[in-house]
Amino acid sequence: IMILTYTRRDADAWAAFSGDDNPIHFDPERARALGADGLSVHGMRAMLDIKQQLSEALLHSSPQGRYYLFNARLRQPLICDKPYLLTLTGGSERVRLSAKVTREDHALCFSAKLAAAKPLEPVLRSRAVHYSAGMLRALSERFPLPLDAPGQAWNFVDAVLFQCLVAAPETLLNVAEVFPGLQVRSLSEIFRQVPVVQTHHDVHFDAGLLMTDVRAIVEGGLHCAVQPPVIAGSEENGYVLGIVIRAWTADGPLLSSSVTLKTLPIL
């Protein structure tokens, strides 16, 4: 059990790493438009702590699986400068760990689980983005958590993929058809013009990342590819965007990350 509290400094640090400068994390009026009573914490920033705690608990249970799946549901926004309780449960021979983040009134804000999974699928390597050692080194220097924490490599790779998703033009292959009037070039530009919240996050990864030193990932470089987004909904009711991005090295597939975003109705 631990207490989580985030400040505007945490928002600035995650935005500097990821490029996610969604106004709901910096503009109180935009946050209130979503029903929040203060600045909303980046969901991905809070998940860094959730994933780290689950990783440490998994390592303490002597995991035997070759692949793992992390699932998170973002149910209510966390608000800056307010305390939240992170609680972990579970653990067995088959290893299935759960986490929840609750408010002081016990309302559930985040739920997550980490469990053994099937092997990663082969990667379709078209439209690949290459992260060189230099690029990863620069990102590692901006990563908000200590990179020497146990099991941190998959957390870092997942964060890098989110950074790629926010910046890569490939993310907008289908999105541009939905928002033709916005004249946007990246997901971060959509964030500035359309209220967007994240609702789900799923990460499927090679268990070797639990034991890998982040420096090995940094110096080895990384390839990733954004899959064309799946989009459902309408301007009147809002859109749901499902985006998958995969990472691999010369040794094979490493991690697959799926992000679900929801927009408010576009007036």
Foldseek 3Di string as FASTA:
>chain_A
DDKDAAALVLVVLLCVLQVQVQCLQPPQVLVVVVVDNARFDAPLSVVLVVVLVLLVVCVVLVDDAFKKKKKKFFAATDHHPFMWDKDKDDDDNQDKIKIFIAHPVRHTGMIMMMGHDDDDDFDDQPPKDWQALVNLVVSQVSDPDDQVRALCQQSSVVSVQSSCQQQPQQACPPVCVQVVPQPDRGNSSVSHPFPKDWTMKMKMFGCVSRVDRNSVDSNQIKMKDKDHWDWDDHLQAWIKIKIKMWMDGPVGTGMIMIIIMTTGRHD
